[in-house]
Amino acid sequence: MADRFILSHLRRQPLFARLLPEQLAIVADAVQPLRYEPGEIIFRQGQISEGLLLFVAGRGVITQSAPDGKEVTVGTVSANEYVNQA
């Protein structure tokens, strides 16, 4: 049975808006809740990452390695936004 917390957050996402309740439940059953600490790196540029990451709370910073080796901020992700949707 799908977790109510997960279902409530998935329902808010345009990506899943057209799914029937039964289909949304299947997606919700495949969700694995994760918790990250402030400053923790979720994945690095060029690294293969698995699955969509939906931010329920907090904020993520997206950086890219510049040619000189410095990390450049190229975006942010906030609550109810996601990354890695491909």
Protein backbone atom coordinates (compact mmCIF):
# COMPACT_ATOMS: atom_id res chain seq x y z
CA MET A 1 0.00 0.00 0.00
CA ALA A 2 1.33 3.43 -0.97
CA ASP A 3 2.51 5.77 1.78
CA ARG A 4 0.14 8.74 2.29
CA PHE A 5 3.02 11.18 2.75
CA ILE A 6 4.61 10.13 -0.54
CA LEU A 7 1.28 10.18 -2.39
CA SER A 8 0.49 13.68 -1.18
CA HIS A 9 3.78 15.02 -2.54
CA LEU A 10 3.58 13.17 -5.84
CA ARG A 11 0.05 14.48 -6.46
CA ARG A 12 1.37 18.06 -6.37
CA GLN A 13 3.81 17.43 -9.20
CA PRO A 14 2.75 18.30 -12.76
CA LEU A 15 4.88 15.37 -13.92
CA PHE A 16 2.39 12.96 -12.33
CA ALA A 17 -0.82 14.99 -12.75
CA ARG A 18 -2.30 12.84 -15.51
CA LEU A 19 -1.86 9.53 -13.72
CA LEU A 20 -4.86 7.61 -12.48
CA PRO A 21 -4.92 6.91 -8.72
CA GLU A 22 -3.88 3.28 -9.33
CA GLN A 23 -0.95 4.40 -11.48
CA LEU A 24 0.13 6.98 -8.92
CA ALA A 25 0.06 4.28 -6.23
CA ILE A 26 2.44 2.16 -8.32
CA VAL A 27 4.84 5.10 -8.63
CA ALA A 28 4.55 5.83 -4.90
CA ASP A 29 5.39 2.22 -4.06
CA ALA A 30 8.64 2.61 -6.01
CA VAL A 31 9.67 5.73 -4.06
CA GLN A 32 12.44 5.48 -1.52
CA PRO A 33 12.48 8.38 0.96
CA LEU A 34 15.99 9.71 1.60
CA ARG A 35 17.32 12.31 4.00
CA TYR A 36 20.44 14.35 3.41
CA GLU A 37 22.34 16.52 5.84
CA PRO A 38 23.17 20.17 5.03
CA GLY A 39 26.25 20.31 2.82
CA GLU A 40 26.06 16.65 1.84
CA ILE A 41 26.78 15.91 -1.82
CA ILE A 42 24.00 13.93 -3.46
CA PHE A 43 25.80 13.25 -6.74
CA ARG A 44 28.67 14.71 -8.72
CA GLN A 45 28.92 16.01 -12.26
CA GLY A 46 29.42 13.12 -14.68
CA GLN A 47 28.36 10.51 -12.13
CA ILE A 48 25.49 8.27 -13.13
CA SER A 49 22.61 8.98 -10.78
CA GLU A 50 19.58 6.81 -10.29
CA GLY A 51 16.05 8.11 -10.35
CA LEU A 52 14.25 11.37 -9.85
CA LEU A 53 15.00 13.36 -6.69
CA LEU A 54 11.99 15.26 -5.35
CA PHE A 55 12.80 17.81 -2.66
CA VAL A 56 10.09 17.79 0.01
CA ALA A 57 11.86 20.29 2.27
CA GLY A 58 15.08 22.22 2.29
CA ARG A 59 17.13 23.41 -0.63
CA GLY A 60 19.80 22.00 -2.92
CA VAL A 61 22.54 23.84 -4.77
CA ILE A 62 23.50 22.70 -8.25
CA THR A 63 27.12 23.35 -9.13
CA GLN A 64 29.29 22.65 -12.13
CA SER A 65 33.04 22.30 -12.36
CA ALA A 66 34.53 25.16 -14.37
CA PRO A 67 37.58 24.59 -16.62
CA ASP A 68 39.79 26.12 -13.92
CA GLY A 69 38.53 23.54 -11.40
CA LYS A 70 36.36 25.92 -9.39
CA GLU A 71 32.79 25.01 -8.51
CA VAL A 72 30.26 27.42 -10.06
CA THR A 73 26.66 27.57 -8.84
CA VAL A 74 24.34 27.06 -11.81
CA GLY A 75 21.02 26.66 -9.99
CA THR A 76 19.10 25.70 -6.92
CA VAL A 77 16.33 23.26 -6.08
CA SER A 78 13.72 24.03 -3.43
CA ALA A 79 10.84 22.16 -1.81
CA ASN A 80 8.39 20.66 -4.33
CA GLU A 81 10.97 20.80 -7.13
CA TYR A 82 12.90 17.90 -8.57
CA VAL A 83 16.07 17.06 -10.45
CA ASN A 84 17.19 14.15 -12.63
CA GLN A 85 13.79 13.69 -14.28
CA ALA A 86 15.35 12.17 -17.40
